N, C-alpha and C. Protein backbone atom coordinates (compact mmCIF):
# COMPACT_ATOMS: atom_id res chain seq x y z
N MET A 1 2.40 -41.96 160.12
CA MET A 1 3.29 -40.55 159.29
C MET A 1 4.08 -41.10 158.32
N LYS A 2 4.89 -42.24 158.56
CA LYS A 2 5.49 -42.70 157.29
C LYS A 2 4.58 -43.70 156.39
N ILE A 3 3.45 -44.05 156.85
CA ILE A 3 2.59 -44.67 155.90
C ILE A 3 1.56 -43.38 154.68
N VAL A 4 1.54 -42.14 155.37
CA VAL A 4 1.32 -41.27 154.58
C VAL A 4 2.23 -40.44 153.78
N ILE A 5 3.44 -40.65 154.47
CA ILE A 5 4.55 -39.87 153.19
C ILE A 5 4.59 -41.14 151.81
N TRP A 6 4.52 -42.42 152.39
CA TRP A 6 4.64 -43.60 151.43
C TRP A 6 3.56 -43.65 150.53
N LEU A 7 2.33 -43.35 150.97
CA LEU A 7 1.15 -43.28 150.11
C LEU A 7 1.14 -42.16 148.80
N LEU A 8 1.38 -40.89 149.79
CA LEU A 8 2.04 -39.82 148.75
C LEU A 8 2.76 -40.20 147.61
N GLY A 9 3.96 -40.27 148.08
CA GLY A 9 4.90 -40.96 147.64
C GLY A 9 4.54 -41.80 146.37
N SER A 10 4.04 -42.74 146.34
CA SER A 10 3.50 -43.70 145.23
C SER A 10 2.39 -43.07 144.68
N LEU A 11 1.68 -42.26 145.16
CA LEU A 11 0.70 -41.44 144.15
C LEU A 11 1.55 -40.84 142.78
N LEU A 12 2.27 -40.12 144.00
CA LEU A 12 3.14 -39.00 142.68
C LEU A 12 4.20 -39.86 141.71
N ALA A 13 4.46 -40.87 142.26
CA ALA A 13 5.36 -41.73 141.23
C ALA A 13 4.28 -42.04 140.32
N ILE A 14 3.17 -42.70 140.67
CA ILE A 14 2.31 -42.90 139.14
C ILE A 14 1.64 -41.97 138.33
N ALA A 15 1.39 -40.86 139.21
CA ALA A 15 1.06 -39.85 138.56
C ALA A 15 2.24 -39.44 137.28
N ILE A 16 3.69 -39.26 137.84
CA ILE A 16 5.13 -38.99 136.95
C ILE A 16 4.63 -40.21 135.58
N LEU A 17 4.61 -41.31 135.78
CA LEU A 17 4.85 -43.03 135.32
C LEU A 17 3.53 -42.35 134.05
N PHE A 18 2.28 -41.96 134.15
CA PHE A 18 1.21 -41.73 133.66
C PHE A 18 1.34 -40.81 132.87
N ALA A 19 2.12 -39.57 133.43
CA ALA A 19 2.34 -38.36 132.70
C ALA A 19 3.31 -38.83 131.35
N GLY A 20 4.25 -39.08 131.57
CA GLY A 20 5.36 -39.69 130.86
C GLY A 20 5.06 -40.82 129.80
N LEU A 21 4.08 -41.71 130.59
CA LEU A 21 3.60 -42.90 129.48
C LEU A 21 2.72 -41.74 127.98
N GLN A 22 1.93 -40.88 128.70
CA GLN A 22 1.14 -40.28 127.69
C GLN A 22 2.16 -39.49 126.87
N TRP A 23 2.91 -38.56 127.27
CA TRP A 23 4.03 -38.12 126.28
C TRP A 23 5.08 -38.67 124.99
N VAL A 24 5.22 -40.03 126.02
CA VAL A 24 5.72 -41.25 124.99
C VAL A 24 5.10 -41.15 124.06
N ALA A 25 3.98 -41.98 123.86
CA ALA A 25 2.66 -42.40 123.05
C ALA A 25 2.06 -41.34 122.36
N SER A 26 2.70 -39.84 123.04
CA SER A 26 2.04 -38.77 122.05
C SER A 26 2.60 -38.21 121.05
N GLU A 27 4.51 -38.29 121.45
CA GLU A 27 5.27 -38.00 120.60
C GLU A 27 6.35 -37.96 120.08
N ARG A 28 6.19 -39.63 119.91
CA ARG A 28 7.15 -41.11 119.58
C ARG A 28 7.23 -40.66 117.84
N VAL A 29 5.76 -40.64 117.61
CA VAL A 29 5.77 -40.09 116.11
C VAL A 29 5.45 -38.71 115.83
N GLU A 30 5.16 -38.47 114.32
CA GLU A 30 5.19 -37.10 113.80
C GLU A 30 3.60 -36.60 114.56
N VAL A 31 3.99 -35.28 114.94
CA VAL A 31 3.37 -34.15 115.09
C VAL A 31 3.62 -32.76 114.59
N VAL A 32 2.19 -32.43 114.61
CA VAL A 32 2.20 -31.24 113.91
C VAL A 32 1.76 -29.80 115.01
N ASP A 33 2.29 -28.96 114.45
CA ASP A 33 2.20 -27.69 114.97
C ASP A 33 0.76 -26.75 114.70
N LEU A 34 -0.61 -27.29 115.38
CA LEU A 34 -1.92 -26.16 115.00
C LEU A 34 -1.57 -24.79 115.51
N HIS A 35 -1.84 -23.79 114.58
CA HIS A 35 -1.82 -22.45 115.06
C HIS A 35 -3.28 -21.99 115.36
N THR A 36 -3.70 -21.63 115.93
CA THR A 36 -5.34 -20.92 116.06
C THR A 36 -4.99 -20.14 117.11
N LEU A 37 -6.17 -19.08 117.16
CA LEU A 37 -6.72 -17.74 117.58
C LEU A 37 -7.46 -17.94 118.43
N ASN A 38 -7.52 -17.63 120.03
CA ASN A 38 -8.62 -17.65 120.59
C ASN A 38 -9.05 -16.14 120.76
N GLU A 39 -9.96 -16.27 121.76
CA GLU A 39 -11.36 -15.07 121.65
C GLU A 39 -10.40 -13.81 121.68
N SER A 40 -9.75 -13.34 122.46
CA SER A 40 -8.56 -12.30 122.14
C SER A 40 -7.60 -12.26 121.30
N GLY A 41 -7.63 -12.96 120.16
CA GLY A 41 -6.37 -13.00 119.48
C GLY A 41 -5.30 -13.64 119.63
N GLU A 42 -5.12 -13.75 120.49
CA GLU A 42 -3.77 -14.35 120.81
C GLU A 42 -3.60 -15.71 120.50
N GLU A 43 -2.14 -16.25 119.85
CA GLU A 43 -2.35 -17.10 119.18
C GLU A 43 -1.99 -18.27 119.98
N MET A 44 -2.53 -19.75 120.11
CA MET A 44 -2.70 -21.02 120.95
C MET A 44 -1.70 -22.21 120.11
N VAL A 45 -1.06 -22.43 120.03
CA VAL A 45 -0.32 -23.59 119.84
C VAL A 45 -0.76 -25.00 120.15
N THR A 46 -1.51 -26.07 119.49
CA THR A 46 -1.66 -27.33 119.83
C THR A 46 -0.66 -28.38 118.70
N ARG A 47 -0.21 -29.22 120.05
CA ARG A 47 0.30 -30.55 118.92
C ARG A 47 -0.67 -31.55 118.84
N LEU A 48 -0.74 -31.81 117.16
CA LEU A 48 -1.69 -32.58 117.00
C LEU A 48 -0.78 -34.08 115.94
N TRP A 49 -1.64 -35.12 115.95
CA TRP A 49 -1.52 -36.39 115.06
C TRP A 49 -2.06 -35.96 113.85
N ILE A 50 -1.07 -36.06 112.65
CA ILE A 50 -1.88 -36.43 111.26
C ILE A 50 -1.29 -37.43 110.48
N VAL A 51 -2.64 -37.82 109.59
CA VAL A 51 -2.47 -38.36 108.80
C VAL A 51 -2.87 -37.99 107.00
N ASP A 52 -2.02 -38.68 106.36
CA ASP A 52 -2.36 -38.32 104.65
C ASP A 52 -3.08 -39.30 104.14
N ASP A 53 -4.15 -39.02 103.32
CA ASP A 53 -4.77 -39.98 102.48
C ASP A 53 -5.29 -38.90 100.95
N GLU A 54 -5.32 -39.94 100.43
CA GLU A 54 -5.87 -38.81 98.81
C GLU A 54 -5.57 -37.91 98.53
N GLY A 55 -4.57 -37.97 98.93
CA GLY A 55 -4.09 -35.86 98.64
C GLY A 55 -4.38 -35.00 99.89
N PHE A 56 -5.07 -35.28 100.82
CA PHE A 56 -5.41 -34.54 101.81
C PHE A 56 -4.61 -35.07 103.12
N SER A 57 -4.29 -33.88 103.96
CA SER A 57 -4.38 -34.52 105.49
C SER A 57 -5.08 -34.26 106.47
N TYR A 58 -5.21 -35.08 107.59
CA TYR A 58 -6.22 -35.14 108.29
C TYR A 58 -6.23 -35.04 109.56
N LEU A 59 -6.48 -34.42 110.54
CA LEU A 59 -6.40 -34.49 111.68
C LEU A 59 -7.82 -34.83 112.51
N ARG A 60 -7.55 -35.16 113.64
CA ARG A 60 -8.87 -35.85 114.24
C ARG A 60 -9.15 -35.39 115.54
N VAL A 61 -10.55 -34.76 115.42
CA VAL A 61 -11.04 -34.35 116.75
C VAL A 61 -12.29 -35.65 117.79
N GLY A 62 -12.05 -35.92 118.44
CA GLY A 62 -12.55 -36.74 119.70
C GLY A 62 -14.37 -36.04 119.43
N ALA A 63 -15.24 -37.21 120.13
CA ALA A 63 -16.73 -36.91 120.40
C ALA A 63 -16.43 -35.69 120.67
N ASP A 64 -16.14 -35.46 121.81
CA ASP A 64 -16.58 -34.50 123.08
C ASP A 64 -16.07 -33.56 122.56
N SER A 65 -15.33 -33.42 121.21
CA SER A 65 -14.50 -32.11 120.88
C SER A 65 -13.68 -31.21 121.56
N SER A 66 -12.76 -30.31 121.05
CA SER A 66 -11.82 -29.88 122.21
C SER A 66 -11.99 -28.09 121.88
N GLY A 67 -10.63 -27.99 122.66
CA GLY A 67 -10.74 -26.22 122.56
C GLY A 67 -10.12 -25.76 121.35
N TRP A 68 -8.76 -26.95 120.43
CA TRP A 68 -8.63 -26.48 119.35
C TRP A 68 -9.44 -26.50 118.46
N PHE A 69 -10.16 -27.11 118.23
CA PHE A 69 -11.53 -27.57 117.52
C PHE A 69 -12.29 -26.11 117.46
N SER A 70 -12.50 -25.60 118.50
CA SER A 70 -13.82 -24.52 118.63
C SER A 70 -12.88 -23.42 117.84
N ARG A 71 -11.47 -23.31 118.69
CA ARG A 71 -11.13 -22.22 117.83
C ARG A 71 -10.88 -22.03 115.80
N LEU A 72 -10.62 -23.63 116.14
CA LEU A 72 -10.11 -23.53 114.63
C LEU A 72 -12.03 -23.40 113.63
N GLN A 73 -12.48 -23.82 114.42
CA GLN A 73 -14.18 -23.51 113.81
C GLN A 73 -14.49 -21.95 113.99
N ALA A 74 -13.85 -21.41 114.93
CA ALA A 74 -14.37 -19.78 114.98
C ALA A 74 -13.58 -18.91 114.01
N ASN A 75 -12.34 -19.48 113.72
CA ASN A 75 -11.49 -18.57 113.05
C ASN A 75 -11.66 -19.04 111.44
N GLY A 76 -12.16 -20.00 110.79
CA GLY A 76 -12.33 -20.48 109.55
C GLY A 76 -10.63 -20.59 108.85
N GLU A 77 -9.71 -19.87 108.96
CA GLU A 77 -8.66 -19.93 108.46
C GLU A 77 -7.35 -20.36 109.49
N PHE A 78 -6.16 -21.15 109.63
CA PHE A 78 -5.48 -21.34 111.00
C PHE A 78 -3.88 -21.88 109.86
N ASN A 79 -3.06 -21.78 110.46
CA ASN A 79 -1.57 -22.78 110.44
C ASN A 79 -1.50 -23.76 110.78
N VAL A 80 -0.83 -24.57 109.92
CA VAL A 80 0.00 -25.87 110.53
C VAL A 80 1.05 -25.79 109.99
N THR A 81 2.03 -26.25 111.31
CA THR A 81 3.45 -26.52 110.78
C THR A 81 4.25 -27.92 110.98
N ARG A 82 4.66 -28.30 109.48
CA ARG A 82 4.64 -29.61 109.53
C ARG A 82 6.18 -29.90 108.86
N ASN A 83 6.76 -30.55 109.59
CA ASN A 83 8.43 -30.28 109.25
C ASN A 83 8.60 -29.35 108.91
N GLY A 84 8.47 -28.50 109.78
CA GLY A 84 9.35 -26.87 110.07
C GLY A 84 8.88 -25.72 108.59
N GLU A 85 7.54 -26.67 108.33
CA GLU A 85 6.93 -25.31 107.20
C GLU A 85 6.00 -25.35 107.57
N THR A 86 5.02 -24.21 107.34
CA THR A 86 4.21 -23.80 107.94
C THR A 86 3.28 -22.97 106.35
N ALA A 87 1.77 -23.55 106.93
CA ALA A 87 1.10 -23.04 105.60
C ALA A 87 -0.20 -23.04 106.21
N THR A 88 -1.13 -22.05 105.85
CA THR A 88 -2.29 -21.88 106.27
C THR A 88 -3.98 -22.81 105.65
N TYR A 89 -4.63 -23.08 106.00
CA TYR A 89 -5.93 -24.10 106.19
C TYR A 89 -6.99 -23.92 106.17
N THR A 90 -8.08 -24.37 105.78
CA THR A 90 -9.31 -24.49 106.19
C THR A 90 -9.79 -25.84 106.36
N ALA A 91 -10.84 -25.92 106.89
CA ALA A 91 -11.16 -27.40 107.22
C ALA A 91 -12.35 -27.63 106.59
N VAL A 92 -12.27 -29.07 106.63
CA VAL A 92 -13.77 -29.98 105.94
C VAL A 92 -14.30 -31.01 106.43
N LEU A 93 -15.04 -31.06 107.48
CA LEU A 93 -15.67 -32.39 108.35
C LEU A 93 -15.36 -33.28 107.54
N ARG A 94 -15.29 -34.47 107.61
CA ARG A 94 -15.08 -35.78 107.25
C ARG A 94 -16.01 -37.03 107.94
N GLU A 95 -16.96 -36.64 108.62
CA GLU A 95 -17.48 -37.77 109.38
C GLU A 95 -17.81 -38.78 108.52
N ASP A 96 -17.57 -39.06 107.31
CA ASP A 96 -18.29 -40.19 106.08
C ASP A 96 -16.69 -40.93 106.68
N LYS A 97 -15.44 -40.37 106.76
CA LYS A 97 -14.02 -41.00 106.36
C LYS A 97 -13.60 -41.31 107.91
N SER A 98 -14.36 -41.53 109.50
CA SER A 98 -13.92 -41.78 110.18
C SER A 98 -13.58 -42.93 110.72
N GLU A 99 -14.11 -44.12 110.14
CA GLU A 99 -13.61 -45.23 110.23
C GLU A 99 -12.05 -45.09 109.46
N HIS A 100 -11.99 -45.01 108.28
CA HIS A 100 -10.67 -45.04 107.31
C HIS A 100 -9.57 -44.05 108.07
N ILE A 101 -10.08 -43.33 108.46
CA ILE A 101 -9.02 -42.36 108.96
C ILE A 101 -8.81 -42.78 110.46
N ASN A 102 -9.87 -42.94 111.57
CA ASN A 102 -8.69 -43.57 112.78
C ASN A 102 -8.18 -45.07 112.39
N SER A 103 -8.58 -45.83 111.33
CA SER A 103 -7.71 -46.64 110.72
C SER A 103 -5.89 -46.30 110.44
N LEU A 104 -6.00 -45.50 109.63
CA LEU A 104 -4.86 -45.07 109.14
C LEU A 104 -4.17 -44.61 110.54
N MET A 105 -4.41 -43.86 111.48
CA MET A 105 -4.09 -43.17 112.58
C MET A 105 -3.37 -44.27 113.21
N GLN A 106 -4.54 -45.30 113.25
CA GLN A 106 -3.72 -46.53 113.93
C GLN A 106 -2.75 -47.16 113.37
N ASP A 107 -2.56 -47.64 112.19
CA ASP A 107 -1.53 -48.21 111.59
C ASP A 107 -0.47 -47.09 111.85
N LYS A 108 -0.02 -46.16 111.94
CA LYS A 108 0.86 -44.70 111.72
C LYS A 108 1.38 -44.68 113.05
N TYR A 109 0.35 -44.50 114.34
CA TYR A 109 0.33 -44.41 115.85
C TYR A 109 0.77 -45.29 116.44
N THR A 110 0.54 -46.40 115.85
CA THR A 110 0.47 -47.75 116.74
C THR A 110 -0.55 -48.14 117.86
N TRP A 111 0.81 -48.80 118.99
CA TRP A 111 0.51 -48.52 120.42
C TRP A 111 -0.22 -47.24 120.92
N GLY A 112 0.81 -45.98 120.75
CA GLY A 112 0.41 -44.84 120.96
C GLY A 112 -1.36 -44.34 120.95
N ASP A 113 -1.58 -44.95 119.70
CA ASP A 113 -2.99 -44.36 119.70
C ASP A 113 -3.89 -45.52 120.27
N THR A 114 -3.63 -46.50 120.63
CA THR A 114 -4.41 -47.06 121.57
C THR A 114 -4.20 -47.06 123.12
N ILE A 115 -3.11 -46.75 123.23
CA ILE A 115 -2.92 -45.92 124.72
C ILE A 115 -3.62 -44.68 125.11
N ILE A 116 -3.73 -43.83 124.05
CA ILE A 116 -4.37 -42.69 124.29
C ILE A 116 -6.01 -42.61 124.37
N GLY A 117 -6.29 -43.73 123.28
CA GLY A 117 -7.84 -44.29 123.40
C GLY A 117 -7.87 -44.47 124.72
N TYR A 118 -7.19 -45.42 125.01
CA TYR A 118 -7.98 -45.76 126.79
C TYR A 118 -7.58 -45.00 127.55
N MET A 119 -6.55 -44.08 127.14
CA MET A 119 -6.58 -43.06 128.45
C MET A 119 -7.58 -41.86 128.64
N PHE A 120 -8.34 -41.26 127.39
CA PHE A 120 -8.89 -40.14 127.33
C PHE A 120 -10.18 -40.84 126.12
N GLY A 121 -10.56 -42.02 126.49
CA GLY A 121 -11.87 -42.54 125.70
C GLY A 121 -11.71 -42.99 124.27
N SER A 122 -12.20 -43.90 123.55
CA SER A 122 -12.61 -44.22 122.58
C SER A 122 -12.36 -43.24 121.34
N ARG A 123 -12.29 -43.92 120.11
CA ARG A 123 -11.91 -43.21 119.06
C ARG A 123 -14.02 -43.64 118.56
N ASP A 124 -14.74 -43.60 118.96
CA ASP A 124 -15.97 -43.63 118.32
C ASP A 124 -16.83 -42.40 118.74
N GLY A 125 -17.13 -42.10 117.58
CA GLY A 125 -17.38 -40.51 117.07
C GLY A 125 -16.28 -39.40 117.09
N SER A 126 -15.45 -40.05 117.06
CA SER A 126 -14.64 -38.91 116.11
C SER A 126 -14.47 -38.92 114.79
N VAL A 127 -14.00 -37.34 114.44
CA VAL A 127 -14.43 -37.09 113.28
C VAL A 127 -13.28 -36.39 112.65
N PRO A 128 -12.87 -36.91 111.65
CA PRO A 128 -11.68 -36.19 111.00
C PRO A 128 -12.21 -34.60 110.23
N VAL A 129 -11.27 -34.24 110.44
CA VAL A 129 -10.80 -32.74 110.08
C VAL A 129 -10.02 -32.76 108.53
N GLU A 130 -10.41 -32.46 107.64
CA GLU A 130 -9.06 -32.07 106.00
C GLU A 130 -8.96 -31.22 105.88
N LEU A 131 -7.86 -30.91 105.93
CA LEU A 131 -6.84 -29.58 105.71
C LEU A 131 -7.55 -29.42 104.18
N HIS A 132 -7.79 -27.88 103.89
CA HIS A 132 -7.81 -27.56 102.55
C HIS A 132 -6.93 -26.50 102.29
N ARG A 133 -5.56 -26.36 101.91
CA ARG A 133 -4.45 -25.61 101.77
C ARG A 133 -5.09 -24.23 100.90
N VAL A 134 -4.60 -23.08 101.58
CA VAL A 134 -5.21 -21.92 100.98
C VAL A 134 -4.05 -21.42 100.90
N ASP A 135 -3.88 -20.83 98.78
CA ASP A 135 -2.59 -20.54 98.37
C ASP A 135 -2.72 -19.05 98.47
């Protein structure tokens, strides 16, 4: 019985360590809030990394896509809160800039980008999402 309790405790400690490492890697540098609407019109907020290049800001979606990206595409316009300021945007996919944006993300988020890449898959096939502000 002691072995089972020790094993379960060890697994719980590993899970907590894994979640904590992910949080530190994700949240230690700039993170923005993406506001999208789900199918029932309810606002969903997703925290994402962002980089700037040649006058535009970029998010990055993995090759396997994600819920936030599906909502973004379904709604056309969406809001991003950055440094306490919320603005409305549309998105343009820039697959041609994938390598460059991946490099900028690595430069900005350093070891966090590397760890998240190991945890959730490589950056191969990721697509930069170029943000165009709606005035």
